[in-house]
């Protein structure tokens, strides 16, 4: 039987770094748009403004907690409740819900995306980028959540339950 522990030990930091990097990109775009909207009040409608603010919150949440979980994983990869499969699953599920909600909401607000050549919308390119990076984050968190669930199943089968470590 193949041991997945070396792959998890290598893959966890890589996945978290990718989630953090794309979270920083999303943070930059959403913070810039929020500052423009606050200064000039030139948003299409309040739903676009509010959804941009929600994505700002989601990116901050993602960066802070992904950094925390990465540091904890390096600190004690197999001995702490905070590095357990259950803790990771709760964090990643909430993060996944936030990204799904935010990406779907901004997509609905923009009508599936903007054609910047045809639609004369203020900050058109930035809004398209906001939507695209929200979906990228959703895909990354989906992949991470699937891996965590598979590790949870493996921990349960070996008798550790959800308190088991991501690596044995």
Protein backbone atom coordinates (compact mmCIF):
# COMPACT_ATOMS: atom_id res chain seq x y z
CA UNK A 1 0.00 0.00 0.00
CA UNK A 2 1.29 3.45 -0.92
CA UNK A 3 2.01 5.88 1.91
CA UNK A 4 0.58 9.30 1.17
CA UNK A 5 2.41 11.01 4.06
CA UNK A 6 5.39 12.28 2.01
CA UNK A 7 3.00 13.71 -0.58
CA UNK A 8 0.94 15.45 2.10
CA UNK A 9 4.08 16.79 3.81
CA UNK A 10 5.20 18.30 0.49
CA UNK A 11 1.79 19.18 -0.91
CA UNK A 12 0.30 20.92 2.14
CA UNK A 13 2.78 23.83 2.11
CA UNK A 14 2.58 24.13 -1.68
CA UNK A 15 -1.23 24.23 -1.66
CA UNK A 16 -1.34 26.71 1.21
CA UNK A 17 1.21 28.98 -0.48
CA UNK A 18 -0.86 28.95 -3.68
CA UNK A 19 -4.02 29.76 -1.71
CA UNK A 20 -2.20 32.58 0.10
CA UNK A 21 -0.68 34.03 -3.09
CA UNK A 22 -4.00 34.09 -4.93
CA UNK A 23 -5.61 35.44 -1.75
CA UNK A 24 -3.13 38.33 -1.76
CA UNK A 25 -3.94 39.03 -5.41
CA UNK A 26 -7.68 39.00 -4.62
CA UNK A 27 -7.05 41.17 -1.56
CA UNK A 28 -5.20 43.73 -3.67
CA UNK A 29 -7.92 43.95 -6.31
CA UNK A 30 -10.84 44.02 -3.87
CA UNK A 31 -9.14 46.53 -1.54
CA UNK A 32 -8.36 48.83 -4.46
CA UNK A 33 -11.93 48.61 -5.78
CA UNK A 34 -13.36 49.17 -2.29
CA UNK A 35 -11.19 52.26 -1.81
CA UNK A 36 -12.27 53.62 -5.22
CA UNK A 37 -15.93 52.95 -4.45
CA UNK A 38 -15.64 54.61 -1.05
CA UNK A 39 -13.91 57.67 -2.50
CA UNK A 40 -15.90 58.18 -5.70
CA UNK A 41 -19.19 56.26 -5.23
CA UNK A 42 -18.96 55.13 -8.88
CA UNK A 43 -20.08 51.52 -8.50
CA UNK A 44 -22.76 50.17 -10.81
CA UNK A 45 -25.07 49.32 -7.91
CA UNK A 46 -24.86 48.60 -4.21
CA UNK A 47 -24.79 44.84 -4.78
CA UNK A 48 -21.55 45.17 -6.77
CA UNK A 49 -20.06 47.31 -3.99
CA UNK A 50 -21.19 44.91 -1.24
CA UNK A 51 -19.99 41.82 -3.08
CA UNK A 52 -16.61 43.44 -3.61
CA UNK A 53 -16.45 44.10 0.13
CA UNK A 54 -17.39 40.49 0.85
CA UNK A 55 -14.54 39.29 -1.37
CA UNK A 56 -12.24 41.65 0.53
CA UNK A 57 -13.31 39.98 3.78
CA UNK A 58 -12.95 36.51 2.26
CA UNK A 59 -9.43 37.19 1.01
CA UNK A 60 -8.36 38.55 4.41
CA UNK A 61 -9.91 35.48 6.12
CA UNK A 62 -8.09 33.18 3.71
CA UNK A 63 -4.70 34.84 4.07
CA UNK A 64 -4.81 35.01 7.88
CA UNK A 65 -6.06 31.48 8.52
CA UNK A 66 -4.06 29.81 5.75
CA UNK A 67 -0.90 31.41 7.12
CA UNK A 68 -1.83 30.26 10.63
CA UNK A 69 -2.53 26.69 9.51
CA UNK A 70 0.70 26.60 7.49
CA UNK A 71 2.76 27.72 10.47
CA UNK A 72 1.02 25.23 12.75
CA UNK A 73 1.60 22.44 10.22
CA UNK A 74 5.34 23.20 10.22
CA UNK A 75 5.38 23.53 14.01
CA UNK A 76 3.71 20.21 14.79
CA UNK A 77 2.53 18.29 11.72
CA UNK A 78 1.16 15.34 13.67
CA UNK A 79 0.56 16.27 17.28
CA UNK A 80 -1.86 19.15 17.73
CA UNK A 81 -5.63 19.51 17.57
CA UNK A 82 -5.18 22.56 15.32
CA UNK A 83 -3.28 20.44 12.80
CA UNK A 84 -5.82 17.62 12.92
CA UNK A 85 -7.92 16.52 10.00
CA UNK A 86 -11.07 17.76 11.75
CA UNK A 87 -9.69 21.23 12.37
CA UNK A 88 -8.42 21.51 8.80
CA UNK A 89 -11.76 20.27 7.47
CA UNK A 90 -13.75 22.89 9.43
CA UNK A 91 -11.45 25.72 8.37
CA UNK A 92 -11.32 24.66 4.74
CA UNK A 93 -15.06 24.03 4.52
CA UNK A 94 -15.83 27.54 5.81
CA UNK A 95 -13.26 29.00 3.43
CA UNK A 96 -14.73 26.98 0.56
CA UNK A 97 -18.24 28.26 1.35
CA UNK A 98 -16.96 31.85 1.46
CA UNK A 99 -15.21 31.54 -1.91
CA UNK A 100 -18.17 29.79 -3.53
CA UNK A 101 -20.53 32.47 -2.22
CA UNK A 102 -18.27 35.35 -3.17
CA UNK A 103 -17.41 34.06 -6.64
CA UNK A 104 -21.02 33.22 -7.46
CA UNK A 105 -22.24 36.56 -6.09
CA UNK A 106 -19.79 38.70 -8.07
CA UNK A 107 -20.47 36.60 -11.19
CA UNK A 108 -24.21 37.19 -10.79
CA UNK A 109 -23.65 40.89 -10.17
CA UNK A 110 -21.57 41.22 -13.34
CA UNK A 111 -23.89 39.05 -15.42
CA UNK A 112 -21.25 36.37 -15.93
CA UNK A 113 -18.47 38.79 -16.74
CA UNK A 114 -18.02 42.06 -18.54
CA UNK A 115 -16.98 42.73 -22.12
CA UNK A 116 -14.76 45.75 -21.63
CA UNK A 117 -14.87 46.64 -25.33
CA UNK A 118 -18.66 46.73 -25.36
CA UNK A 119 -19.62 47.45 -21.76
CA UNK A 120 -18.51 50.88 -20.67
CA UNK A 121 -18.22 50.10 -16.99
CA UNK A 122 -15.89 51.87 -14.61
CA UNK A 123 -13.08 49.50 -13.51
CA UNK A 124 -14.19 46.85 -16.03
CA UNK A 125 -10.86 45.03 -16.16
CA UNK A 126 -10.48 45.04 -12.40
CA UNK A 127 -13.98 43.62 -11.92
CA UNK A 128 -13.26 40.83 -14.40
CA UNK A 129 -10.01 40.07 -12.56
CA UNK A 130 -11.86 40.10 -9.22
CA UNK A 131 -14.30 37.52 -10.57
CA UNK A 132 -11.60 35.36 -12.16
CA UNK A 133 -9.37 35.19 -9.09
CA UNK A 134 -12.38 34.44 -6.88
CA UNK A 135 -13.07 31.38 -9.03
CA UNK A 136 -9.38 30.39 -8.93
CA UNK A 137 -9.51 30.50 -5.12
CA UNK A 138 -12.69 28.43 -5.18
CA UNK A 139 -10.98 25.76 -7.31
CA UNK A 140 -7.91 25.70 -5.06
CA UNK A 141 -9.99 25.39 -1.89
CA UNK A 142 -12.11 22.68 -3.50
CA UNK A 143 -9.00 20.65 -4.27
CA UNK A 144 -7.63 21.18 -0.74
CA UNK A 145 -10.98 20.22 0.80
CA UNK A 146 -11.14 17.00 -1.24
CA UNK A 147 -7.63 16.02 -0.11
CA UNK A 148 -8.49 16.81 3.52
CA UNK A 149 -11.65 14.69 3.27
CA UNK A 150 -9.64 11.79 1.81
CA UNK A 151 -7.11 12.12 4.64
CA UNK A 152 -10.02 12.19 7.11
CA UNK A 153 -11.34 8.94 5.69
CA UNK A 154 -7.85 7.42 5.99
CA UNK A 155 -7.51 8.65 9.60
CA UNK A 156 -10.91 7.19 10.48
CA UNK A 157 -10.00 3.85 8.90
CA UNK A 158 -6.79 3.64 10.88
CA UNK A 159 -8.77 4.36 14.07
CA UNK A 160 -7.68 7.96 14.74
CA UNK A 161 -11.02 9.60 13.86
CA UNK A 162 -11.21 13.27 12.95
CA UNK A 163 -8.70 14.11 15.67
CA UNK A 164 -6.08 12.27 13.64
CA UNK A 165 -3.24 14.10 11.97
CA UNK A 166 -3.10 14.87 8.26
CA UNK A 167 0.01 12.69 8.21
CA UNK A 168 0.46 9.57 10.31
